[in-house]
């Protein structure tokens, strides 16, 4: 008996490749989108006037209705620091360990950029 599936699966990094920080990976299965981490990166010295660098989330914003969840691997800012900005534009459940979600809640409070989800 064969269990071959013909799902359309795409995996791509939106940040964090070849750099320290900005971690974000997206997995698409058919038309469902899952985001793994949404980090930030501190600017390079030649980025005058820039306080924070986050991955370009234009694609995610354009396809926000397809996002099923955000999964956080751990609570370092290179993995969660972009969420306060991203959650202003997207609404999706966020999953992680209790510690990671507690760190995210504090980050959301401190940034004032996002909204605080009561279901975290």
PDB file of N, CA and C in Angstrom:
ATOM      1  N   UNK A   1       0.842  -1.173   0.000  1.00  0.00           N
ATOM      2  CA  UNK A   1       0.000   0.000   0.000  1.00  0.00           C
ATOM      3  C   UNK A   1       0.886   1.235   0.000  1.00  0.00           C
ATOM      4  N   UNK A   2       0.628   2.142  -0.877  1.00  0.00           N
ATOM      5  CA  UNK A   2       1.444   3.351  -1.013  1.00  0.00           C
ATOM      6  C   UNK A   2       0.725   4.553  -0.404  1.00  0.00           C
ATOM      7  N   UNK A   3       1.485   5.360   0.297  1.00  0.00           N
ATOM      8  CA  UNK A   3       0.936   6.580   0.896  1.00  0.00           C
ATOM      9  C   UNK A   3       1.642   7.798   0.325  1.00  0.00           C
ATOM     10  N   UNK A   4       1.692   7.898  -0.967  1.00  0.00           N
ATOM     11  CA  UNK A   4       2.359   9.012  -1.624  1.00  0.00           C
ATOM     12  C   UNK A   4       1.419  10.216  -1.638  1.00  0.00           C
ATOM     13  N   UNK A   5       1.961  11.339  -1.170  1.00  0.00           N
ATOM     14  CA  UNK A   5       1.186  12.585  -1.198  1.00  0.00           C
ATOM     15  C   UNK A   5       1.826  13.518  -2.203  1.00  0.00           C
ATOM     16  N   UNK A   6       1.024  14.314  -2.810  1.00  0.00           N
ATOM     17  CA  UNK A   6       1.516  15.267  -3.799  1.00  0.00           C
ATOM     18  C   UNK A   6       1.341  16.698  -3.307  1.00  0.00           C
ATOM     19  N   UNK A   7       1.657  16.925  -2.034  1.00  0.00           N
ATOM     20  CA  UNK A   7       1.559  18.272  -1.485  1.00  0.00           C
ATOM     21  C   UNK A   7       2.623  19.164  -2.107  1.00  0.00           C
ATOM     22  N   UNK A   8       2.275  20.414  -2.261  1.00  0.00           N
ATOM     23  CA  UNK A   8       3.221  21.419  -2.735  1.00  0.00           C
ATOM     24  C   UNK A   8       3.881  22.029  -1.502  1.00  0.00           C
ATOM     25  N   UNK A   9       5.150  21.701  -1.273  1.00  0.00           N
ATOM     26  CA  UNK A   9       5.867  22.161  -0.085  1.00  0.00           C
ATOM     27  C   UNK A   9       7.004  23.082  -0.508  1.00  0.00           C
ATOM     28  N   UNK A  10       7.057  24.254   0.126  1.00  0.00           N
ATOM     29  CA  UNK A  10       8.132  25.214  -0.115  1.00  0.00           C
ATOM     30  C   UNK A  10       8.721  25.596   1.234  1.00  0.00           C
ATOM     31  N   UNK A  11      10.040  25.632   1.310  1.00  0.00           N
ATOM     32  CA  UNK A  11      10.732  26.063   2.520  1.00  0.00           C
ATOM     33  C   UNK A  11      11.740  27.118   2.096  1.00  0.00           C
ATOM     34  N   UNK A  12      11.674  28.279   2.729  1.00  0.00           N
ATOM     35  CA  UNK A  12      12.631  29.320   2.384  1.00  0.00           C
ATOM     36  C   UNK A  12      12.932  30.205   3.589  1.00  0.00           C
ATOM     37  N   UNK A  13      14.146  30.699   3.597  1.00  0.00           N
ATOM     38  CA  UNK A  13      14.589  31.596   4.661  1.00  0.00           C
ATOM     39  C   UNK A  13      14.319  33.029   4.235  1.00  0.00           C
ATOM     40  N   UNK A  14      13.694  33.776   5.126  1.00  0.00           N
ATOM     41  CA  UNK A  14      13.453  35.199   4.864  1.00  0.00           C
ATOM     42  C   UNK A  14      14.496  36.054   5.572  1.00  0.00           C
ATOM     43  N   UNK A  15      15.332  35.426   6.360  1.00  0.00           N
ATOM     44  CA  UNK A  15      16.410  36.117   7.056  1.00  0.00           C
ATOM     45  C   UNK A  15      17.228  35.114   7.824  1.00  0.00           C
ATOM     46  N   UNK A  16      18.385  35.552   8.282  1.00  0.00           N
ATOM     47  CA  UNK A  16      19.222  34.711   9.115  1.00  0.00           C
ATOM     48  C   UNK A  16      20.230  33.852   8.385  1.00  0.00           C
ATOM     49  N   UNK A  17      20.266  33.921   7.074  1.00  0.00           N
ATOM     50  CA  UNK A  17      21.228  33.131   6.312  1.00  0.00           C
ATOM     51  C   UNK A  17      22.432  34.021   6.001  1.00  0.00           C
ATOM     52  N   UNK A  18      23.595  33.590   6.429  1.00  0.00           N
ATOM     53  CA  UNK A  18      24.805  34.358   6.163  1.00  0.00           C
ATOM     54  C   UNK A  18      24.943  35.592   7.033  1.00  0.00           C
ATOM     55  N   UNK A  19      24.165  35.678   8.098  1.00  0.00           N
ATOM     56  CA  UNK A  19      24.229  36.820   9.006  1.00  0.00           C
ATOM     57  C   UNK A  19      23.870  36.346  10.400  1.00  0.00           C
ATOM     58  N   UNK A  20      24.219  37.140  11.376  1.00  0.00           N
ATOM     59  CA  UNK A  20      23.873  36.809  12.753  1.00  0.00           C
ATOM     60  C   UNK A  20      22.629  37.606  13.104  1.00  0.00           C
ATOM     61  N   UNK A  21      21.527  36.907  13.316  1.00  0.00           N
ATOM     62  CA  UNK A  21      20.264  37.558  13.624  1.00  0.00           C
ATOM     63  C   UNK A  21      19.305  37.494  12.459  1.00  0.00           C
ATOM     64  N   UNK A  22      18.177  38.182  12.625  1.00  0.00           N
ATOM     65  CA  UNK A  22      17.167  38.268  11.561  1.00  0.00           C
ATOM     66  C   UNK A  22      16.569  36.911  11.211  1.00  0.00           C
ATOM     67  N   UNK A  23      16.600  35.959  12.121  1.00  0.00           N
ATOM     68  CA  UNK A  23      16.173  34.598  11.816  1.00  0.00           C
ATOM     69  C   UNK A  23      14.682  34.535  11.492  1.00  0.00           C
ATOM     70  N   UNK A  24      14.364  33.992  10.336  1.00  0.00           N
ATOM     71  CA  UNK A  24      12.977  33.746   9.952  1.00  0.00           C
ATOM     72  C   UNK A  24      12.960  32.739   8.809  1.00  0.00           C
ATOM     73  N   UNK A  25      12.230  31.664   9.022  1.00  0.00           N
ATOM     74  CA  UNK A  25      12.055  30.636   7.996  1.00  0.00           C
ATOM     75  C   UNK A  25      10.560  30.452   7.779  1.00  0.00           C
ATOM     76  N   UNK A  26      10.179  30.239   6.540  1.00  0.00           N
ATOM     77  CA  UNK A  26       8.772  30.048   6.198  1.00  0.00           C
ATOM     78  C   UNK A  26       8.616  28.682   5.543  1.00  0.00           C
ATOM     79  N   UNK A  27       7.599  27.969   5.972  1.00  0.00           N
ATOM     80  CA  UNK A  27       7.244  26.694   5.358  1.00  0.00           C
ATOM     81  C   UNK A  27       5.826  26.825   4.825  1.00  0.00           C
ATOM     82  N   UNK A  28       5.667  26.559   3.545  1.00  0.00           N
ATOM     83  CA  UNK A  28       4.340  26.565   2.924  1.00  0.00           C
ATOM     84  C   UNK A  28       3.995  25.132   2.537  1.00  0.00           C
ATOM     85  N   UNK A  29       2.831  24.704   2.937  1.00  0.00           N
ATOM     86  CA  UNK A  29       2.305  23.406   2.524  1.00  0.00           C
ATOM     87  C   UNK A  29       0.982  23.693   1.835  1.00  0.00           C
ATOM     88  N   UNK A  30       0.971  23.442   0.535  1.00  0.00           N
ATOM     89  CA  UNK A  30      -0.150  23.824  -0.310  1.00  0.00           C
ATOM     90  C   UNK A  30      -0.361  25.332  -0.148  1.00  0.00           C
ATOM     91  N   UNK A  31      -1.433  25.769   0.463  1.00  0.00           N
ATOM     92  CA  UNK A  31      -1.643  27.218   0.619  1.00  0.00           C
ATOM     93  C   UNK A  31      -1.558  27.670   2.066  1.00  0.00           C
ATOM     94  N   UNK A  32      -1.114  26.797   2.939  1.00  0.00           N
ATOM     95  CA  UNK A  32      -0.964  27.140   4.351  1.00  0.00           C
ATOM     96  C   UNK A  32       0.470  27.574   4.625  1.00  0.00           C
ATOM     97  N   UNK A  33       0.629  28.651   5.400  1.00  0.00           N
ATOM     98  CA  UNK A  33       1.946  29.198   5.701  1.00  0.00           C
ATOM     99  C   UNK A  33       2.217  29.057   7.200  1.00  0.00           C
ATOM    100  N   UNK A  34       3.422  28.573   7.521  1.00  0.00           N
ATOM    101  CA  UNK A  34       3.893  28.456   8.896  1.00  0.00           C
ATOM    102  C   UNK A  34       5.216  29.217   8.994  1.00  0.00           C
ATOM    103  N   UNK A  35       5.315  30.081   9.984  1.00  0.00           N
ATOM    104  CA  UNK A  35       6.512  30.895  10.166  1.00  0.00           C
ATOM    105  C   UNK A  35       7.287  30.345  11.355  1.00  0.00           C
ATOM    106  N   UNK A  36       8.576  30.148  11.171  1.00  0.00           N
ATOM    107  CA  UNK A  36       9.445  29.705  12.260  1.00  0.00           C
ATOM    108  C   UNK A  36      10.380  30.850  12.607  1.00  0.00           C
ATOM    109  N   UNK A  37      10.188  31.409  13.779  1.00  0.00           N
ATOM    110  CA  UNK A  37      10.960  32.541  14.299  1.00  0.00           C
ATOM    111  C   UNK A  37      10.690  33.821  13.511  1.00  0.00           C
ATOM    112  N   UNK A  38      10.868  34.909  14.179  1.00  0.00           N
ATOM    113  CA  UNK A  38      10.743  36.242  13.569  1.00  0.00           C
ATOM    114  C   UNK A  38      11.687  37.152  14.348  1.00  0.00           C
ATOM    115  N   UNK A  39      12.958  37.070  13.993  1.00  0.00           N
ATOM    116  CA  UNK A  39      13.987  37.745  14.764  1.00  0.00           C
ATOM    117  C   UNK A  39      14.332  39.124  14.255  1.00  0.00           C
ATOM    118  N   UNK A  40      15.306  39.700  14.936  1.00  0.00           N
ATOM    119  CA  UNK A  40      15.841  40.989  14.534  1.00  0.00           C
ATOM    120  C   UNK A  40      17.349  40.897  14.467  1.00  0.00           C
ATOM    121  N   UNK A  41      17.937  41.925  13.910  1.00  0.00           N
ATOM    122  CA  UNK A  41      19.386  42.035  13.832  1.00  0.00           C
ATOM    123  C   UNK A  41      19.736  43.471  14.186  1.00  0.00           C
ATOM    124  N   UNK A  42      20.814  43.632  14.888  1.00  0.00           N
ATOM    125  CA  UNK A  42      21.271  44.984  15.167  1.00  0.00           C
ATOM    126  C   UNK A  42      21.952  45.524  13.908  1.00  0.00           C
ATOM    127  N   UNK A  43      21.798  46.806  13.636  1.00  0.00           N
ATOM    128  CA  UNK A  43      22.343  47.360  12.392  1.00  0.00           C
ATOM    129  C   UNK A  43      23.870  47.338  12.358  1.00  0.00           C
ATOM    130  N   UNK A  44      24.394  47.269  11.159  1.00  0.00           N
ATOM    131  CA  UNK A  44      25.835  47.396  10.959  1.00  0.00           C
ATOM    132  C   UNK A  44      26.213  48.857  11.157  1.00  0.00           C
ATOM    133  N   UNK A  45      27.477  49.114  11.375  1.00  0.00           N
ATOM    134  CA  UNK A  45      27.916  50.484  11.658  1.00  0.00           C
ATOM    135  C   UNK A  45      27.680  51.439  10.487  1.00  0.00           C
ATOM    136  N   UNK A  46      27.523  50.921   9.283  1.00  0.00           N
ATOM    137  CA  UNK A  46      27.267  51.801   8.140  1.00  0.00           C
ATOM    138  C   UNK A  46      25.774  52.087   7.932  1.00  0.00           C
ATOM    139  N   UNK A  47      24.915  51.576   8.810  1.00  0.00           N
ATOM    140  CA  UNK A  47      23.468  51.803   8.717  1.00  0.00           C
ATOM    141  C   UNK A  47      23.070  52.948   9.651  1.00  0.00           C
ATOM    142  N   UNK A  48      23.536  54.123   9.333  1.00  0.00           N
ATOM    143  CA  UNK A  48      23.285  55.284  10.185  1.00  0.00           C
ATOM    144  C   UNK A  48      21.789  55.578  10.289  1.00  0.00           C
ATOM    145  N   UNK A  49      21.331  55.831  11.503  1.00  0.00           N
ATOM    146  CA  UNK A  49      19.928  56.163  11.735  1.00  0.00           C
ATOM    147  C   UNK A  49      19.010  54.957  11.848  1.00  0.00           C
ATOM    148  N   UNK A  50      19.545  53.759  11.713  1.00  0.00           N
ATOM    149  CA  UNK A  50      18.741  52.540  11.801  1.00  0.00           C
ATOM    150  C   UNK A  50      18.939  51.944  13.185  1.00  0.00           C
ATOM    151  N   UNK A  51      17.837  51.688  13.883  1.00  0.00           N
ATOM    152  CA  UNK A  51      17.911  51.109  15.227  1.00  0.00           C
ATOM    153  C   UNK A  51      17.795  49.593  15.217  1.00  0.00           C
ATOM    154  N   UNK A  52      16.963  49.063  14.333  1.00  0.00           N
ATOM    155  CA  UNK A  52      16.682  47.636  14.303  1.00  0.00           C
ATOM    156  C   UNK A  52      16.481  47.194  12.860  1.00  0.00           C
ATOM    157  N   UNK A  53      16.977  46.009  12.544  1.00  0.00           N
ATOM    158  CA  UNK A  53      16.791  45.428  11.217  1.00  0.00           C
ATOM    159  C   UNK A  53      15.938  44.173  11.387  1.00  0.00           C
ATOM    160  N   UNK A  54      14.845  44.087  10.624  1.00  0.00           N
ATOM    161  CA  UNK A  54      13.996  42.897  10.651  1.00  0.00           C
ATOM    162  C   UNK A  54      13.865  42.367   9.219  1.00  0.00           C
ATOM    163  N   UNK A  55      13.523  41.095   9.080  1.00  0.00           N
ATOM    164  CA  UNK A  55      13.348  40.550   7.727  1.00  0.00           C
ATOM    165  C   UNK A  55      12.223  41.271   6.982  1.00  0.00           C
ATOM    166  N   UNK A  56      12.346  41.324   5.676  1.00  0.00           N
ATOM    167  CA  UNK A  56      11.295  41.902   4.838  1.00  0.00           C
ATOM    168  C   UNK A  56      10.100  40.952   4.855  1.00  0.00           C
ATOM    169  N   UNK A  57       9.019  41.361   5.477  1.00  0.00           N
ATOM    170  CA  UNK A  57       7.837  40.511   5.639  1.00  0.00           C
ATOM    171  C   UNK A  57       6.732  40.852   4.642  1.00  0.00           C
ATOM    172  N   UNK A  58       7.069  41.533   3.578  1.00  0.00           N
ATOM    173  CA  UNK A  58       6.063  41.930   2.591  1.00  0.00           C
ATOM    174  C   UNK A  58       5.258  40.735   2.094  1.00  0.00           C
ATOM    175  N   UNK A  59       5.940  39.646   1.764  1.00  0.00           N
ATOM    176  CA  UNK A  59       5.246  38.461   1.268  1.00  0.00           C
ATOM    177  C   UNK A  59       4.249  37.948   2.297  1.00  0.00           C
ATOM    178  N   UNK A  60       4.654  37.905   3.568  1.00  0.00           N
ATOM    179  CA  UNK A  60       3.766  37.420   4.618  1.00  0.00           C
ATOM    180  C   UNK A  60       2.571  38.342   4.804  1.00  0.00           C
ATOM    181  N   UNK A  61       2.793  39.624   4.731  1.00  0.00           N
ATOM    182  CA  UNK A  61       1.690  40.583   4.876  1.00  0.00           C
ATOM    183  C   UNK A  61       0.708  40.435   3.719  1.00  0.00           C
ATOM    184  N   UNK A  62       1.229  40.239   2.523  1.00  0.00           N
ATOM    185  CA  UNK A  62       0.371  40.064   1.344  1.00  0.00           C
ATOM    186  C   UNK A  62      -0.421  38.753   1.403  1.00  0.00           C
ATOM    187  N   UNK A  63       0.084  37.774   2.131  1.00  0.00           N
ATOM    188  CA  UNK A  63      -0.570  36.463   2.237  1.00  0.00           C
ATOM    189  C   UNK A  63      -1.004  36.178   3.670  1.00  0.00           C
ATOM    190  N   UNK A  64      -1.325  37.211   4.414  1.00  0.00           N
ATOM    191  CA  UNK A  64      -1.627  37.066   5.852  1.00  0.00           C
ATOM    192  C   UNK A  64      -2.757  36.096   6.149  1.00  0.00           C
ATOM    193  N   UNK A  65      -3.714  35.962   5.254  1.00  0.00           N
ATOM    194  CA  UNK A  65      -4.840  35.055   5.494  1.00  0.00           C
ATOM    195  C   UNK A  65      -4.434  33.585   5.413  1.00  0.00           C
ATOM    196  N   UNK A  66      -3.271  33.310   4.854  1.00  0.00           N
ATOM    197  CA  UNK A  66      -2.802  31.937   4.719  1.00  0.00           C
ATOM    198  C   UNK A  66      -1.930  31.503   5.897  1.00  0.00           C
ATOM    199  N   UNK A  67      -1.537  32.434   6.765  1.00  0.00           N
ATOM    200  CA  UNK A  67      -0.649  32.107   7.872  1.00  0.00           C
ATOM    201  C   UNK A  67      -1.439  31.387   8.953  1.00  0.00           C
ATOM    202  N   UNK A  68      -1.010  30.177   9.244  1.00  0.00           N
ATOM    203  CA  UNK A  68      -1.696  29.347  10.232  1.00  0.00           C
ATOM    204  C   UNK A  68      -1.077  29.462  11.614  1.00  0.00           C
ATOM    205  N   UNK A  69       0.244  29.714  11.687  1.00  0.00           N
ATOM    206  CA  UNK A  69       0.893  29.791  12.996  1.00  0.00           C
ATOM    207  C   UNK A  69       2.305  30.336  12.862  1.00  0.00           C
ATOM    208  N   UNK A  70       2.783  30.863  13.994  1.00  0.00           N
ATOM    209  CA  UNK A  70       4.183  31.248  14.145  1.00  0.00           C
ATOM    210  C   UNK A  70       4.752  30.349  15.242  1.00  0.00           C
ATOM    211  N   UNK A  71       5.852  29.676  14.950  1.00  0.00           N
ATOM    212  CA  UNK A  71       6.514  28.812  15.919  1.00  0.00           C
ATOM    213  C   UNK A  71       7.839  29.452  16.313  1.00  0.00           C
ATOM    214  N   UNK A  72       8.081  29.549  17.612  1.00  0.00           N
ATOM    215  CA  UNK A  72       9.319  30.122  18.112  1.00  0.00           C
ATOM    216  C   UNK A  72      10.211  29.023  18.659  1.00  0.00           C
ATOM    217  N   UNK A  73      11.457  28.981  18.211  1.00  0.00           N
ATOM    218  CA  UNK A  73      12.370  27.932  18.651  1.00  0.00           C
ATOM    219  C   UNK A  73      12.931  28.234  20.031  1.00  0.00           C
ATOM    220  N   UNK A  74      13.189  29.508  20.328  1.00  0.00           N
ATOM    221  CA  UNK A  74      13.665  29.922  21.639  1.00  0.00           C
ATOM    222  C   UNK A  74      13.592  31.442  21.746  1.00  0.00           C
ATOM    223  N   UNK A  75      13.930  31.975  22.922  1.00  0.00           N
ATOM    224  CA  UNK A  75      13.630  33.366  23.225  1.00  0.00           C
ATOM    225  C   UNK A  75      14.701  34.404  22.964  1.00  0.00           C
ATOM    226  N   UNK A  76      15.751  34.081  22.229  1.00  0.00           N
ATOM    227  CA  UNK A  76      16.745  35.107  21.901  1.00  0.00           C
ATOM    228  C   UNK A  76      16.133  36.135  20.956  1.00  0.00           C
ATOM    229  N   UNK A  77      16.584  37.388  21.083  1.00  0.00           N
ATOM    230  CA  UNK A  77      16.024  38.440  20.231  1.00  0.00           C
ATOM    231  C   UNK A  77      16.275  38.196  18.752  1.00  0.00           C
ATOM    232  N   UNK A  78      17.313  37.439  18.416  1.00  0.00           N
ATOM    233  CA  UNK A  78      17.542  37.127  17.007  1.00  0.00           C
ATOM    234  C   UNK A  78      16.472  36.177  16.482  1.00  0.00           C
ATOM    235  N   UNK A  79      15.628  35.646  17.406  1.00  0.00           N
ATOM    236  CA  UNK A  79      14.544  34.745  17.017  1.00  0.00           C
ATOM    237  C   UNK A  79      13.155  35.313  17.284  1.00  0.00           C
ATOM    238  N   UNK A  80      13.014  36.228  18.264  1.00  0.00           N
ATOM    239  CA  UNK A  80      11.686  36.761  18.597  1.00  0.00           C
ATOM    240  C   UNK A  80      11.587  38.280  18.444  1.00  0.00           C
ATOM    241  N   UNK A  81      12.699  38.956  18.261  1.00  0.00           N
ATOM    242  CA  UNK A  81      12.722  40.423  18.286  1.00  0.00           C
ATOM    243  C   UNK A  81      11.930  41.112  17.195  1.00  0.00           C
ATOM    244  N   UNK A  82      11.674  40.443  16.083  1.00  0.00           N
ATOM    245  CA  UNK A  82      10.896  41.041  15.000  1.00  0.00           C
ATOM    246  C   UNK A  82       9.394  40.890  15.172  1.00  0.00           C
ATOM    247  N   UNK A  83       8.976  40.066  16.119  1.00  0.00           N
ATOM    248  CA  UNK A  83       7.538  39.815  16.298  1.00  0.00           C
ATOM    249  C   UNK A  83       6.732  41.049  16.687  1.00  0.00           C
ATOM    250  N   UNK A  84       7.227  41.938  17.548  1.00  0.00           N
ATOM    251  CA  UNK A  84       6.420  43.124  17.841  1.00  0.00           C
ATOM    252  C   UNK A  84       6.050  43.919  16.585  1.00  0.00           C
ATOM    253  N   UNK A  85       6.935  43.930  15.603  1.00  0.00           N
ATOM    254  CA  UNK A  85       6.656  44.634  14.348  1.00  0.00           C
ATOM    255  C   UNK A  85       5.736  43.802  13.462  1.00  0.00           C
ATOM    256  N   UNK A  86       5.992  42.517  13.397  1.00  0.00           N
ATOM    257  CA  UNK A  86       5.209  41.631  12.540  1.00  0.00           C
ATOM    258  C   UNK A  86       3.773  41.484  13.025  1.00  0.00           C
ATOM    259  N   UNK A  87       3.584  41.397  14.329  1.00  0.00           N
ATOM    260  CA  UNK A  87       2.239  41.192  14.868  1.00  0.00           C
ATOM    261  C   UNK A  87       1.343  42.424  14.719  1.00  0.00           C
ATOM    262  N   UNK A  88       1.924  43.562  14.386  1.00  0.00           N
ATOM    263  CA  UNK A  88       1.101  44.730  14.070  1.00  0.00           C
ATOM    264  C   UNK A  88       0.348  44.513  12.758  1.00  0.00           C
ATOM    265  N   UNK A  89       0.923  43.711  11.881  1.00  0.00           N
ATOM    266  CA  UNK A  89       0.358  43.500  10.547  1.00  0.00           C
ATOM    267  C   UNK A  89      -0.314  42.150  10.380  1.00  0.00           C
ATOM    268  N   UNK A  90       0.024  41.193  11.253  1.00  0.00           N
ATOM    269  CA  UNK A  90      -0.487  39.833  11.112  1.00  0.00           C
ATOM    270  C   UNK A  90      -1.152  39.377  12.394  1.00  0.00           C
ATOM    271  N   UNK A  91      -2.109  38.509  12.262  1.00  0.00           N
ATOM    272  CA  UNK A  91      -2.733  37.878  13.430  1.00  0.00           C
ATOM    273  C   UNK A  91      -2.690  36.376  13.201  1.00  0.00           C
ATOM    274  N   UNK A  92      -1.880  35.731  14.008  1.00  0.00           N
ATOM    275  CA  UNK A  92      -1.747  34.276  13.920  1.00  0.00           C
ATOM    276  C   UNK A  92      -1.382  33.768  15.302  1.00  0.00           C
ATOM    277  N   UNK A  93      -1.765  32.547  15.614  1.00  0.00           N
ATOM    278  CA  UNK A  93      -1.348  31.990  16.905  1.00  0.00           C
ATOM    279  C   UNK A  93       0.170  31.844  16.945  1.00  0.00           C
ATOM    280  N   UNK A  94       0.729  32.084  18.124  1.00  0.00           N
ATOM    281  CA  UNK A  94       2.170  31.979  18.327  1.00  0.00           C
ATOM    282  C   UNK A  94       2.420  30.857  19.325  1.00  0.00           C
ATOM    283  N   UNK A  95       3.315  29.935  18.958  1.00  0.00           N
ATOM    284  CA  UNK A  95       3.617  28.785  19.797  1.00  0.00           C
ATOM    285  C   UNK A  95       5.086  28.787  20.190  1.00  0.00           C
ATOM    286  N   UNK A  96       5.337  28.379  21.417  1.00  0.00           N
ATOM    287  CA  UNK A  96       6.697  28.256  21.912  1.00  0.00           C
ATOM    288  C   UNK A  96       6.649  27.703  23.315  1.00  0.00           C
ATOM    289  N   UNK A  97       7.805  27.564  23.934  1.00  0.00           N
ATOM    290  CA  UNK A  97       7.836  27.102  25.314  1.00  0.00           C
ATOM    291  C   UNK A  97       7.320  28.209  26.226  1.00  0.00           C
ATOM    292  N   UNK A  98       7.015  27.861  27.468  1.00  0.00           N
ATOM    293  CA  UNK A  98       6.529  28.863  28.423  1.00  0.00           C
ATOM    294  C   UNK A  98       7.537  29.990  28.587  1.00  0.00           C
ATOM    295  N   UNK A  99       8.815  29.660  28.677  1.00  0.00           N
ATOM    296  CA  UNK A  99       9.843  30.683  28.835  1.00  0.00           C
ATOM    297  C   UNK A  99       9.910  31.586  27.610  1.00  0.00           C
ATOM    298  N   UNK A 100       9.910  31.012  26.429  1.00  0.00           N
ATOM    299  CA  UNK A 100       9.973  31.808  25.201  1.00  0.00           C
ATOM    300  C   UNK A 100       8.778  32.742  25.097  1.00  0.00           C
ATOM    301  N   UNK A 101       7.587  32.256  25.396  1.00  0.00           N
ATOM    302  CA  UNK A 101       6.394  33.095  25.317  1.00  0.00           C
ATOM    303  C   UNK A 101       6.402  34.177  26.388  1.00  0.00           C
ATOM    304  N   UNK A 102       6.949  33.894  27.569  1.00  0.00           N
ATOM    305  CA  UNK A 102       7.067  34.914  28.614  1.00  0.00           C
ATOM    306  C   UNK A 102       8.031  36.014  28.161  1.00  0.00           C
ATOM    307  N   UNK A 103       9.140  35.633  27.535  1.00  0.00           N
ATOM    308  CA  UNK A 103      10.078  36.625  27.012  1.00  0.00           C
ATOM    309  C   UNK A 103       9.430  37.451  25.905  1.00  0.00           C
ATOM    310  N   UNK A 104       8.631  36.808  25.074  1.00  0.00           N
ATOM    311  CA  UNK A 104       7.927  37.532  24.014  1.00  0.00           C
ATOM    312  C   UNK A 104       6.947  38.542  24.602  1.00  0.00           C
ATOM    313  N   UNK A 105       6.197  38.142  25.610  1.00  0.00           N
ATOM    314  CA  UNK A 105       5.251  39.068  26.244  1.00  0.00           C
ATOM    315  C   UNK A 105       5.969  40.301  26.763  1.00  0.00           C
ATOM    316  N   UNK A 106       7.115  40.110  27.406  1.00  0.00           N
ATOM    317  CA  UNK A 106       7.888  41.251  27.912  1.00  0.00           C
ATOM    318  C   UNK A 106       8.381  42.119  26.761  1.00  0.00           C
ATOM    319  N   UNK A 107       8.814  41.496  25.689  1.00  0.00           N
ATOM    320  CA  UNK A 107       9.278  42.238  24.514  1.00  0.00           C
ATOM    321  C   UNK A 107       8.150  43.065  23.917  1.00  0.00           C
ATOM    322  N   UNK A 108       6.952  42.498  23.863  1.00  0.00           N
ATOM    323  CA  UNK A 108       5.803  43.227  23.331  1.00  0.00           C
ATOM    324  C   UNK A 108       5.445  44.405  24.229  1.00  0.00           C
ATOM    325  N   UNK A 109       5.506  44.212  25.545  1.00  0.00           N
ATOM    326  CA  UNK A 109       5.215  45.301  26.479  1.00  0.00           C
ATOM    327  C   UNK A 109       6.226  46.424  26.339  1.00  0.00           C
ATOM    328  N   UNK A 110       7.507  46.061  26.297  1.00  0.00           N
ATOM    329  CA  UNK A 110       8.578  47.052  26.236  1.00  0.00           C
ATOM    330  C   UNK A 110       8.579  47.820  24.927  1.00  0.00           C
ATOM    331  N   UNK A 111       8.287  47.134  23.840  1.00  0.00           N
ATOM    332  CA  UNK A 111       8.381  47.784  22.535  1.00  0.00           C
ATOM    333  C   UNK A 111       7.239  48.748  22.291  1.00  0.00           C
ATOM    334  N   UNK A 112       6.063  48.406  22.823  1.00  0.00           N
ATOM    335  CA  UNK A 112       4.902  49.238  22.523  1.00  0.00           C
ATOM    336  C   UNK A 112       4.543  49.207  21.054  1.00  0.00           C
ATOM    337  N   UNK A 113       5.182  48.352  20.294  1.00  0.00           N
ATOM    338  CA  UNK A 113       4.971  48.300  18.846  1.00  0.00           C
ATOM    339  C   UNK A 113       3.865  47.338  18.453  1.00  0.00           C
ATOM    340  N   UNK A 114       3.706  46.289  19.215  1.00  0.00           N
ATOM    341  CA  UNK A 114       2.734  45.270  18.839  1.00  0.00           C
ATOM    342  C   UNK A 114       1.559  45.282  19.784  1.00  0.00           C
ATOM    343  N   UNK A 115       0.819  44.252  19.763  1.00  0.00           N
ATOM    344  CA  UNK A 115      -0.281  44.104  20.711  1.00  0.00           C
ATOM    345  C   UNK A 115       0.028  42.880  21.548  1.00  0.00           C
ATOM    346  N   UNK A 116      -0.511  42.857  22.731  1.00  0.00           N
ATOM    347  CA  UNK A 116      -0.261  41.747  23.639  1.00  0.00           C
ATOM    348  C   UNK A 116      -1.382  40.742  23.451  1.00  0.00           C
ATOM    349  N   UNK A 117      -1.021  39.547  23.038  1.00  0.00           N
ATOM    350  CA  UNK A 117      -2.013  38.498  22.834  1.00  0.00           C
ATOM    351  C   UNK A 117      -2.258  37.797  24.150  1.00  0.00           C
ATOM    352  N   UNK A 118      -3.506  37.643  24.493  1.00  0.00           N
ATOM    353  CA  UNK A 118      -3.832  36.992  25.753  1.00  0.00           C
ATOM    354  C   UNK A 118      -3.751  35.480  25.649  1.00  0.00           C
ATOM    355  N   UNK A 119      -3.658  34.947  24.420  1.00  0.00           N
ATOM    356  CA  UNK A 119      -3.614  33.505  24.265  1.00  0.00           C
ATOM    357  C   UNK A 119      -2.194  32.948  24.196  1.00  0.00           C
ATOM    358  N   UNK A 120      -1.191  33.760  24.463  1.00  0.00           N
ATOM    359  CA  UNK A 120       0.198  33.273  24.445  1.00  0.00           C
ATOM    360  C   UNK A 120       0.490  32.484  25.700  1.00  0.00           C
TER     361      UNK A 120
END
